[in-house]
């Protein structure tokens, strides 16, 4: 039981190997999305948001490669087939081997709720084929208060989190910070990650990936985060949100790979301005501008191979910048949303030996820019027991390289239509089809992945 104080709330969670019931996370289903609520309140024991999603959604699984930063799978598809946004800002990992998937750049203690939109039915986002995962962080509140959480768990897991808020009708501020670490997990035989790796590859060509004795017992990860959010309400129909999130992860062990992450640093800057009731053709107009940056070097500095060949490092960075404008209004009892969407991602990576660039600075990813312009329309209408949803989106995308690779340019048309019939208060049946046509400008070919669903589900 939590006890509220004027300025703080103190909670201690003692977690042991047999597990502790953390309480029920509220999961709401609809034909359009699944919503997982109260994430920060009920599932703060770990930094791994991917694992929290897996435990609370039947549609989500994970690729487990380390103690944290596990990548998600939705309906059997993964990687860039899943579009992940944090408060509307798109974040991309820098590692081509998915050591730092987008879902890893926000921590559970900062998350209020998560929407999972399965299939290619969200026209407001670029590139969502399998699903869209929309993460909403905690909001500032009126008055003054705060929360302190201390967690202990198996394998010497330790976490401390602090959240403070304050404000009035005009301005509200939220500050959240956390720090955590954990030792290596052990299997049923009592072997740590390092011991399990040594048992598998000793005497094989991969023996160089074994950890050096002085690093064999090091922690599996360390992680820190800071989030600052400001909400300004100059009038009843206007709202301005400003936020900054910093994520710092250090020495994350990946025994299934020949390298570990030296660190994963990310910074997310976000600004969203909304104004309501401008007229008959603008019930809500929203402008969002965001920028996210990820810095990810990985190396073999803790492995036996570093003693023989030197410390090899693969250093990658990525940066995403985006602007989105959306306008919603009603026509003939139909809710319409039209929008413009722009994003640009830069991805760059190089190899280093003993902290010196390779000859001619050998590039792994040569300063690649992916620039997208999109326009979309979504419509929602209810007729008796029927709910109809549809949308269309047009994209033009350019991919340019800093090296000799061929630049690419694509045009794409996305469309979806979904009909839902409410059989009763407790069940419904829906059918949906989504289609994406991609036209490579330099080729006379069309790529046409399609998705269709017909399901009856309880609500």
Protein backbone atom coordinates (compact mmCIF):
# COMPACT_ATOMS: atom_id res chain seq x y z
CA UNK A 1 0.00 0.00 0.00
CA UNK A 2 1.25 3.49 -0.90
CA UNK A 3 0.94 6.33 1.54
CA UNK A 4 0.67 9.88 0.17
CA UNK A 5 2.60 12.73 1.74
CA UNK A 6 2.43 16.42 0.93
CA UNK A 7 5.58 16.47 -1.19
CA UNK A 8 6.57 12.87 -1.61
CA UNK A 9 5.50 9.30 -1.80
CA UNK A 10 7.87 6.58 -0.67
CA UNK A 11 7.53 3.02 -1.84
CA UNK A 12 9.88 0.06 -1.41
CA UNK A 13 9.41 -2.98 -3.63
CA UNK A 14 11.25 -6.10 -2.48
CA UNK A 15 11.46 -8.50 -5.42
CA UNK A 16 12.80 -12.01 -5.10
CA UNK A 17 13.58 -14.88 -7.42
CA UNK A 18 10.12 -16.36 -7.16
CA UNK A 19 8.55 -13.10 -8.34
CA UNK A 20 6.15 -10.62 -6.73
CA UNK A 21 2.68 -9.65 -7.90
CA UNK A 22 3.04 -6.06 -9.06
CA UNK A 23 -0.67 -5.52 -9.46
CA UNK A 24 -2.91 -5.45 -12.49
CA UNK A 25 -1.98 -3.22 -15.40
CA UNK A 26 -5.17 -2.04 -17.11
CA UNK A 27 -5.38 -3.26 -20.70
CA UNK A 28 -8.18 -1.96 -22.92
CA UNK A 29 -8.96 -3.56 -26.31
CA UNK A 30 -10.77 -2.10 -29.29
CA UNK A 31 -10.82 -2.86 -33.00
CA UNK A 32 -8.37 -0.04 -33.56
CA UNK A 33 -5.90 -0.34 -30.71
CA UNK A 34 -4.92 -1.97 -27.45
CA UNK A 35 -4.15 0.41 -24.59
CA UNK A 36 -1.93 -0.50 -21.65
CA UNK A 37 -2.40 1.95 -18.78
CA UNK A 38 -0.69 2.77 -15.47
CA UNK A 39 2.69 1.49 -16.67
CA UNK A 40 4.68 3.78 -14.38
CA UNK A 41 2.49 2.93 -11.39
CA UNK A 42 2.44 -0.84 -11.73
CA UNK A 43 5.50 -2.00 -13.68
CA UNK A 44 8.43 0.13 -12.56
CA UNK A 45 10.64 -2.69 -11.37
CA UNK A 46 12.80 -2.72 -14.50
CA UNK A 47 14.01 -0.37 -17.21
CA UNK A 48 12.95 -2.86 -19.90
CA UNK A 49 9.75 -1.55 -21.46
CA UNK A 50 9.83 -4.30 -24.09
CA UNK A 51 9.52 -6.95 -21.38
CA UNK A 52 6.66 -5.04 -19.73
CA UNK A 53 4.78 -5.00 -23.05
CA UNK A 54 5.33 -8.73 -23.55
CA UNK A 55 3.87 -9.50 -20.12
CA UNK A 56 0.78 -7.40 -20.68
CA UNK A 57 -0.13 -7.92 -24.35
CA UNK A 58 -0.78 -11.22 -26.09
CA UNK A 59 0.29 -9.63 -29.40
CA UNK A 60 3.82 -8.77 -28.23
CA UNK A 61 6.87 -10.98 -27.85
CA UNK A 62 10.53 -10.06 -27.46
CA UNK A 63 13.97 -10.94 -28.77
CA UNK A 64 15.96 -11.38 -25.55
CA UNK A 65 19.66 -10.60 -26.04
CA UNK A 66 20.59 -8.97 -22.74
CA UNK A 67 19.29 -8.15 -19.30
CA UNK A 68 17.57 -5.04 -20.70
CA UNK A 69 16.97 -3.32 -24.09
CA UNK A 70 15.07 -6.28 -25.52
CA UNK A 71 13.48 -5.78 -28.95
CA UNK A 72 9.77 -6.34 -29.48
CA UNK A 73 7.91 -8.50 -32.01
CA UNK A 74 4.28 -7.72 -32.85
CA UNK A 75 2.24 -10.39 -34.66
CA UNK A 76 5.40 -12.13 -35.85
CA UNK A 77 7.07 -9.05 -37.39
CA UNK A 78 9.81 -6.90 -35.94
CA UNK A 79 12.40 -4.16 -36.54
CA UNK A 80 11.32 -1.33 -38.85
CA UNK A 81 7.97 -2.99 -39.60
CA UNK A 82 6.97 -1.62 -36.18
CA UNK A 83 6.69 2.14 -35.82
CA UNK A 84 7.59 3.37 -32.30
CA UNK A 85 6.87 6.92 -31.14
CA UNK A 86 7.34 8.56 -27.76
CA UNK A 87 4.81 11.37 -27.24
CA UNK A 88 4.57 11.52 -31.03
CA UNK A 89 8.35 11.78 -31.55
CA UNK A 90 9.92 9.01 -33.59
CA UNK A 91 13.09 7.48 -32.15
CA UNK A 92 15.44 5.16 -34.07
CA UNK A 93 18.18 3.00 -32.63
CA UNK A 94 21.73 3.46 -33.91
CA UNK A 95 22.86 -0.18 -33.75
CA UNK A 96 22.27 -2.26 -36.92
CA UNK A 97 22.17 -5.36 -34.69
CA UNK A 98 19.34 -3.87 -32.58
CA UNK A 99 21.28 -3.57 -29.33
CA UNK A 100 19.36 -0.34 -28.75
CA UNK A 101 15.87 -0.78 -30.27
CA UNK A 102 13.59 2.29 -30.21
CA UNK A 103 11.54 0.86 -27.32
CA UNK A 104 14.68 0.89 -25.12
CA UNK A 105 15.03 4.69 -25.17
CA UNK A 106 12.25 5.29 -22.66
CA UNK A 107 12.00 3.76 -19.17
CA UNK A 108 8.92 2.29 -17.55
CA UNK A 109 8.93 4.76 -14.65
CA UNK A 110 8.33 7.62 -17.13
CA UNK A 111 5.49 5.93 -19.04
CA UNK A 112 1.81 6.58 -18.37
CA UNK A 113 0.18 4.46 -21.10
CA UNK A 114 0.89 2.67 -24.39
CA UNK A 115 -1.28 2.20 -27.47
CA UNK A 116 -0.63 -0.77 -29.76
CA UNK A 117 -2.25 -0.36 -33.18
CA UNK A 118 -1.87 -3.65 -35.02
CA UNK A 119 -1.54 -3.81 -38.79
CA UNK A 120 -1.01 -1.09 -41.41
CA UNK A 121 -4.04 0.92 -40.31
CA UNK A 122 -2.45 4.08 -38.90
CA UNK A 123 -2.17 6.57 -41.75
CA UNK A 124 -0.70 9.29 -39.54
CA UNK A 125 2.71 7.59 -39.29
CA UNK A 126 5.35 6.79 -41.91
CA UNK A 127 6.39 3.16 -42.38
CA UNK A 128 4.09 1.24 -40.02
CA UNK A 129 3.38 -2.16 -41.62
CA UNK A 130 3.10 -4.63 -38.73
CA UNK A 131 2.01 -2.25 -35.95
CA UNK A 132 2.33 1.17 -34.41
CA UNK A 133 3.42 1.44 -30.76
CA UNK A 134 2.58 4.85 -29.32
CA UNK A 135 4.09 5.61 -25.90
CA UNK A 136 2.70 8.40 -23.73
CA UNK A 137 4.86 9.67 -20.88
CA UNK A 138 3.58 11.02 -17.57
CA UNK A 139 2.00 14.49 -17.58
CA UNK A 140 2.57 17.36 -15.12
CA UNK A 141 -0.24 18.01 -12.65
CA UNK A 142 -1.58 20.95 -10.67
CA UNK A 143 -0.49 21.42 -7.10
CA UNK A 144 2.76 20.11 -5.68
CA UNK A 145 3.80 16.52 -5.04
CA UNK A 146 6.18 13.78 -5.86
CA UNK A 147 7.10 10.15 -5.62
CA UNK A 148 10.15 8.13 -4.62
CA UNK A 149 10.47 4.47 -5.54
CA UNK A 150 13.20 2.10 -4.39
CA UNK A 151 13.41 -1.40 -5.86
CA UNK A 152 15.52 -4.42 -5.01
CA UNK A 153 15.45 -7.73 -6.82
CA UNK A 154 17.15 -10.93 -7.83
CA UNK A 155 20.77 -10.85 -9.00
CA UNK A 156 21.33 -7.70 -6.96
CA UNK A 157 19.01 -5.59 -9.06
CA UNK A 158 18.80 -2.06 -7.61
CA UNK A 159 16.71 0.86 -8.78
CA UNK A 160 15.85 4.28 -7.44
CA UNK A 161 13.36 6.64 -9.11
CA UNK A 162 12.27 10.18 -8.23
CA UNK A 163 9.37 12.16 -9.66
CA UNK A 164 8.40 15.73 -8.70
CA UNK A 165 5.60 17.88 -10.10
CA UNK A 166 4.16 21.31 -9.46
CA UNK A 167 2.12 24.03 -11.09
CA UNK A 168 -1.10 25.95 -11.50
CA UNK A 169 -3.69 26.56 -14.24
CA UNK A 170 -1.14 28.39 -16.40
CA UNK A 171 2.02 26.32 -16.09
CA UNK A 172 2.80 22.83 -14.81
CA UNK A 173 6.22 21.16 -14.53
CA UNK A 174 7.29 17.53 -14.11
CA UNK A 175 10.81 16.32 -13.30
CA UNK A 176 11.57 12.59 -13.28
CA UNK A 177 14.90 10.82 -12.75
CA UNK A 178 16.03 7.26 -12.12
CA UNK A 179 19.12 5.09 -11.81
CA UNK A 180 19.41 1.31 -11.83
CA UNK A 181 21.82 -1.57 -12.29
CA UNK A 182 21.82 -5.34 -12.15
CA UNK A 183 24.25 -8.21 -12.01
CA UNK A 184 24.35 -10.99 -14.58
CA UNK A 185 21.45 -13.41 -14.56
CA UNK A 186 22.15 -17.08 -13.82
CA UNK A 187 20.70 -20.18 -15.47
CA UNK A 188 19.31 -23.21 -13.66
CA UNK A 189 22.82 -24.55 -13.12
CA UNK A 190 23.94 -21.34 -11.44
CA UNK A 191 26.05 -20.14 -14.40
CA UNK A 192 26.28 -16.41 -15.09
CA UNK A 193 26.07 -14.97 -18.61
CA UNK A 194 29.86 -15.05 -18.88
CA UNK A 195 30.01 -18.67 -17.69
CA UNK A 196 27.28 -19.77 -20.05
CA UNK A 197 29.17 -18.21 -22.96
CA UNK A 198 32.43 -19.90 -21.94
CA UNK A 199 30.70 -23.29 -21.66
CA UNK A 200 29.36 -22.96 -25.21
CA UNK A 201 32.32 -21.61 -27.22
CA UNK A 202 35.40 -22.95 -25.40
CA UNK A 203 37.55 -24.80 -27.94
CA UNK A 204 35.67 -23.36 -30.95
CA UNK A 205 36.65 -20.58 -33.40
CA UNK A 206 34.40 -18.26 -31.39
CA UNK A 207 36.48 -18.66 -28.20
CA UNK A 208 37.74 -15.10 -28.60
CA UNK A 209 34.28 -13.88 -27.53
CA UNK A 210 34.78 -15.27 -23.99
CA UNK A 211 35.02 -12.57 -21.33
CA UNK A 212 38.41 -11.80 -19.82
CA UNK A 213 38.67 -13.08 -16.21
CA UNK A 214 38.79 -9.56 -14.73
CA UNK A 215 35.48 -8.69 -16.46
CA UNK A 216 33.70 -12.03 -16.05
CA UNK A 217 31.79 -10.86 -12.95
CA UNK A 218 30.96 -7.29 -14.03
CA UNK A 219 27.39 -5.98 -13.82
CA UNK A 220 25.08 -6.75 -16.74
CA UNK A 221 24.03 -3.09 -17.15
CA UNK A 222 23.77 0.36 -15.63
CA UNK A 223 21.08 2.80 -16.67
CA UNK A 224 20.10 6.39 -15.84
CA UNK A 225 17.36 8.62 -17.16
CA UNK A 226 16.11 12.20 -16.76
CA UNK A 227 12.84 13.64 -18.07
CA UNK A 228 11.69 17.26 -17.86
CA UNK A 229 8.24 18.24 -19.13
CA UNK A 230 6.58 21.67 -19.09
CA UNK A 231 2.89 22.23 -19.89
CA UNK A 232 1.75 25.79 -20.58
CA UNK A 233 -1.96 26.64 -20.95
CA UNK A 234 -2.29 30.31 -22.02
CA UNK A 235 -6.07 29.96 -22.54
CA UNK A 236 -8.80 27.33 -22.30
CA UNK A 237 -8.39 26.32 -25.96
CA UNK A 238 -4.58 26.45 -26.23
CA UNK A 239 -1.86 24.16 -24.91
CA UNK A 240 1.91 24.08 -25.32
CA UNK A 241 4.00 21.06 -24.29
CA UNK A 242 7.78 21.15 -24.06
CA UNK A 243 9.80 18.10 -23.03
CA UNK A 244 13.33 16.74 -22.87
CA UNK A 245 14.30 13.15 -22.13
CA UNK A 246 17.86 11.92 -21.58
CA UNK A 247 18.73 8.23 -21.46
CA UNK A 248 22.20 7.04 -20.42
CA UNK A 249 23.06 3.32 -20.47
CA UNK A 250 26.54 2.01 -19.69
CA UNK A 251 28.34 -1.32 -20.17
CA UNK A 252 25.43 -3.43 -21.38
CA UNK A 253 26.57 -7.04 -21.87
CA UNK A 254 25.54 -8.97 -24.97
CA UNK A 255 27.08 -12.44 -24.57
CA UNK A 256 25.42 -13.72 -27.77
CA UNK A 257 27.44 -11.14 -29.75
CA UNK A 258 31.21 -10.68 -30.07
CA UNK A 259 30.81 -7.10 -28.75
CA UNK A 260 29.10 -5.33 -25.87
CA UNK A 261 27.61 -1.83 -25.79
CA UNK A 262 30.11 0.62 -24.27
CA UNK A 263 27.15 2.94 -23.79
CA UNK A 264 23.83 3.96 -25.33
CA UNK A 265 23.05 7.67 -24.99
CA UNK A 266 19.88 9.24 -26.33
CA UNK A 267 18.33 12.70 -26.16
CA UNK A 268 14.74 13.45 -27.18
CA UNK A 269 13.49 17.03 -27.64
CA UNK A 270 9.79 17.59 -28.25
CA UNK A 271 7.47 20.56 -28.75
CA UNK A 272 3.72 20.28 -29.35
CA UNK A 273 1.25 23.15 -29.69
CA UNK A 274 -2.51 22.51 -29.89
CA UNK A 275 -5.41 24.89 -30.34
CA UNK A 276 -9.07 23.85 -30.20
CA UNK A 277 -12.35 25.16 -31.65
CA UNK A 278 -10.97 27.45 -34.33
CA UNK A 279 -14.10 27.02 -36.45
CA UNK A 280 -16.37 24.55 -38.20
CA UNK A 281 -13.42 23.03 -40.04
CA UNK A 282 -10.96 22.93 -37.16
CA UNK A 283 -11.97 21.34 -33.91
CA UNK A 284 -8.32 20.71 -33.03
CA UNK A 285 -5.19 21.89 -34.81
CA UNK A 286 -1.84 20.46 -33.67
CA UNK A 287 1.75 21.35 -34.59
CA UNK A 288 4.60 19.14 -33.41
CA UNK A 289 8.35 19.54 -33.85
CA UNK A 290 10.79 16.99 -32.45
CA UNK A 291 14.38 15.82 -32.58
CA UNK A 292 15.98 12.63 -31.24
CA UNK A 293 19.66 11.67 -31.13
CA UNK A 294 21.31 8.34 -30.30
CA UNK A 295 25.03 7.68 -29.72
CA UNK A 296 26.04 3.99 -29.62
CA UNK A 297 29.61 2.64 -29.61
CA UNK A 298 30.07 -1.11 -29.14
CA UNK A 299 33.39 -2.91 -28.70
CA UNK A 300 35.16 -6.12 -27.68
CA UNK A 301 37.11 -4.45 -24.85
CA UNK A 302 35.87 -7.00 -22.25
CA UNK A 303 36.54 -10.08 -24.42
CA UNK A 304 39.58 -12.33 -24.92
CA UNK A 305 39.82 -11.18 -28.54
CA UNK A 306 40.88 -7.70 -27.34
CA UNK A 307 44.06 -9.21 -25.84
CA UNK A 308 45.05 -10.77 -29.16
CA UNK A 309 43.89 -8.35 -31.84
CA UNK A 310 43.31 -5.12 -29.91
CA UNK A 311 40.14 -3.28 -29.00
CA UNK A 312 37.87 -3.08 -32.02
CA UNK A 313 35.02 -0.59 -31.82
CA UNK A 314 32.00 -0.07 -34.05
CA UNK A 315 30.70 3.44 -33.38
CA UNK A 316 27.33 4.54 -34.71
CA UNK A 317 25.08 7.56 -34.35
CA UNK A 318 21.61 8.39 -35.61
CA UNK A 319 19.48 11.53 -35.54
CA UNK A 320 15.80 11.94 -36.33
CA UNK A 321 14.11 15.30 -36.98
CA UNK A 322 10.40 15.62 -37.62
CA UNK A 323 7.52 18.07 -38.10
CA UNK A 324 3.83 17.14 -38.14
CA UNK A 325 0.66 19.21 -38.60
CA UNK A 326 -2.78 17.66 -37.95
CA UNK A 327 -6.27 19.16 -38.20
CA UNK A 328 -9.44 17.38 -37.04
CA UNK A 329 -13.07 18.35 -37.76
CA UNK A 330 -16.51 16.82 -38.41
CA UNK A 331 -18.51 16.66 -41.64
CA UNK A 332 -21.86 14.83 -41.85
CA UNK A 333 -21.27 13.05 -38.52
CA UNK A 334 -17.88 11.83 -39.79
CA UNK A 335 -14.67 12.75 -37.97
CA UNK A 336 -11.95 13.68 -40.46
CA UNK A 337 -8.25 14.19 -39.72
CA UNK A 338 -5.93 15.61 -42.33
CA UNK A 339 -2.23 16.09 -41.85
CA UNK A 340 1.21 16.83 -43.22
CA UNK A 341 4.22 14.84 -42.05
CA UNK A 342 7.96 15.41 -42.54
CA UNK A 343 10.90 13.47 -41.13
CA UNK A 344 14.60 13.13 -41.80
CA UNK A 345 16.88 10.48 -40.36
CA UNK A 346 20.67 10.54 -40.54
CA UNK A 347 22.59 7.34 -39.82
CA UNK A 348 26.38 7.15 -39.68
CA UNK A 349 28.88 4.56 -38.48
CA UNK A 350 32.64 3.81 -38.57
CA UNK A 351 35.13 1.21 -37.32
CA UNK A 352 37.98 1.94 -34.90
CA UNK A 353 40.97 -0.07 -33.67
CA UNK A 354 42.41 0.87 -30.27
CA UNK A 355 40.39 4.12 -30.47
CA UNK A 356 41.99 5.07 -33.80
CA UNK A 357 39.95 5.15 -37.04
CA UNK A 358 40.61 2.38 -39.51
CA UNK A 359 42.65 3.25 -42.60
CA UNK A 360 40.60 5.73 -44.66
CA UNK A 361 38.07 5.63 -41.79
CA UNK A 362 36.33 2.43 -42.83
CA UNK A 363 32.62 3.15 -42.83
CA UNK A 364 29.91 0.70 -41.89
CA UNK A 365 27.03 3.10 -42.66
CA UNK A 366 28.16 6.05 -44.73
CA UNK A 367 26.26 9.17 -43.65
CA UNK A 368 22.85 7.98 -44.89
CA UNK A 369 19.90 10.39 -44.99
CA UNK A 370 16.32 9.12 -45.26
CA UNK A 371 14.00 12.04 -45.94
CA UNK A 372 10.23 11.62 -46.08
CA UNK A 373 7.32 13.89 -46.99
CA UNK A 374 3.79 12.62 -46.36
CA UNK A 375 0.18 13.77 -46.50
CA UNK A 376 -2.67 11.75 -45.01
CA UNK A 377 -6.44 11.65 -44.45
CA UNK A 378 -8.27 9.54 -41.85
CA UNK A 379 -12.05 9.18 -41.41
CA UNK A 380 -14.16 7.66 -38.62
CA UNK A 381 -17.95 7.21 -38.68
CA UNK A 382 -20.48 5.36 -36.48
CA UNK A 383 -23.80 4.09 -37.89
CA UNK A 384 -25.87 2.24 -35.32
CA UNK A 385 -23.92 -0.86 -34.29
CA UNK A 386 -21.40 -0.30 -37.09
CA UNK A 387 -18.14 1.63 -36.84
CA UNK A 388 -16.30 2.49 -40.05
CA UNK A 389 -12.69 3.63 -40.22
CA UNK A 390 -10.61 4.40 -43.27
CA UNK A 391 -7.63 6.38 -44.45
CA UNK A 392 -5.20 7.12 -47.23
CA UNK A 393 -1.62 8.39 -47.23
CA UNK A 394 0.87 9.44 -49.88
CA UNK A 395 4.63 9.44 -49.22
CA UNK A 396 7.65 10.48 -51.19
CA UNK A 397 10.97 9.33 -49.76
CA UNK A 398 14.59 10.00 -50.71
CA UNK A 399 17.57 7.97 -49.45
CA UNK A 400 21.00 9.49 -50.06
CA UNK A 401 24.47 8.19 -49.14
CA UNK A 402 27.82 9.79 -48.40
CA UNK A 403 29.71 7.12 -50.36
CA UNK A 404 29.44 5.32 -53.69
CA UNK A 405 26.13 3.58 -52.96
CA UNK A 406 23.19 4.26 -55.27
CA UNK A 407 20.75 6.88 -54.00
CA UNK A 408 17.11 5.84 -53.92
CA UNK A 409 13.78 7.59 -54.33
CA UNK A 410 10.34 6.09 -53.74
CA UNK A 411 6.72 7.13 -54.01
CA UNK A 412 4.16 5.23 -51.94
CA UNK A 413 0.39 5.11 -51.54
CA UNK A 414 -1.08 3.58 -48.38
CA UNK A 415 -4.77 2.90 -47.82
CA UNK A 416 -6.86 1.08 -45.23
CA UNK A 417 -10.51 0.33 -44.53
CA UNK A 418 -12.02 -1.30 -41.46
CA UNK A 419 -15.60 -2.14 -40.48
CA UNK A 420 -16.66 -3.20 -36.99
CA UNK A 421 -20.02 -4.63 -35.94
CA UNK A 422 -20.92 -4.76 -32.25
CA UNK A 423 -22.60 -8.12 -31.65
CA UNK A 424 -23.26 -7.28 -28.00
CA UNK A 425 -21.82 -5.31 -25.13
CA UNK A 426 -19.17 -7.97 -24.65
CA UNK A 427 -18.17 -8.96 -28.19
CA UNK A 428 -17.69 -7.56 -31.66
CA UNK A 429 -16.55 -8.67 -35.08
CA UNK A 430 -14.41 -6.62 -37.43
CA UNK A 431 -12.79 -6.94 -40.83
CA UNK A 432 -9.98 -4.76 -42.08
CA UNK A 433 -7.73 -4.49 -45.09
CA UNK A 434 -4.57 -2.42 -45.46
CA UNK A 435 -2.57 -1.95 -48.64
CA UNK A 436 0.76 -0.31 -49.46
CA UNK A 437 1.99 0.36 -52.99
CA UNK A 438 5.64 1.40 -53.26
CA UNK A 439 6.98 2.68 -56.57
CA UNK A 440 10.81 2.73 -56.87
CA UNK A 441 11.48 5.71 -59.13
CA UNK A 442 14.52 4.11 -60.79
CA UNK A 443 12.80 0.78 -61.53
CA UNK A 444 9.63 -0.32 -63.30
CA UNK A 445 8.40 -2.46 -60.45
CA UNK A 446 5.76 -2.28 -57.73
CA UNK A 447 6.11 -3.72 -54.24
CA UNK A 448 2.72 -4.55 -52.73
CA UNK A 449 2.65 -5.97 -49.19
CA UNK A 450 -0.91 -6.36 -47.92
CA UNK A 451 -2.56 -7.12 -44.58
CA UNK A 452 -6.14 -8.18 -43.90
CA UNK A 453 -7.88 -9.23 -40.67
CA UNK A 454 -11.22 -10.82 -39.82
CA UNK A 455 -11.66 -11.41 -36.10
CA UNK A 456 -14.29 -11.76 -33.38
CA UNK A 457 -13.04 -10.59 -30.00
CA UNK A 458 -14.46 -10.09 -26.52
CA UNK A 459 -14.22 -6.56 -25.16
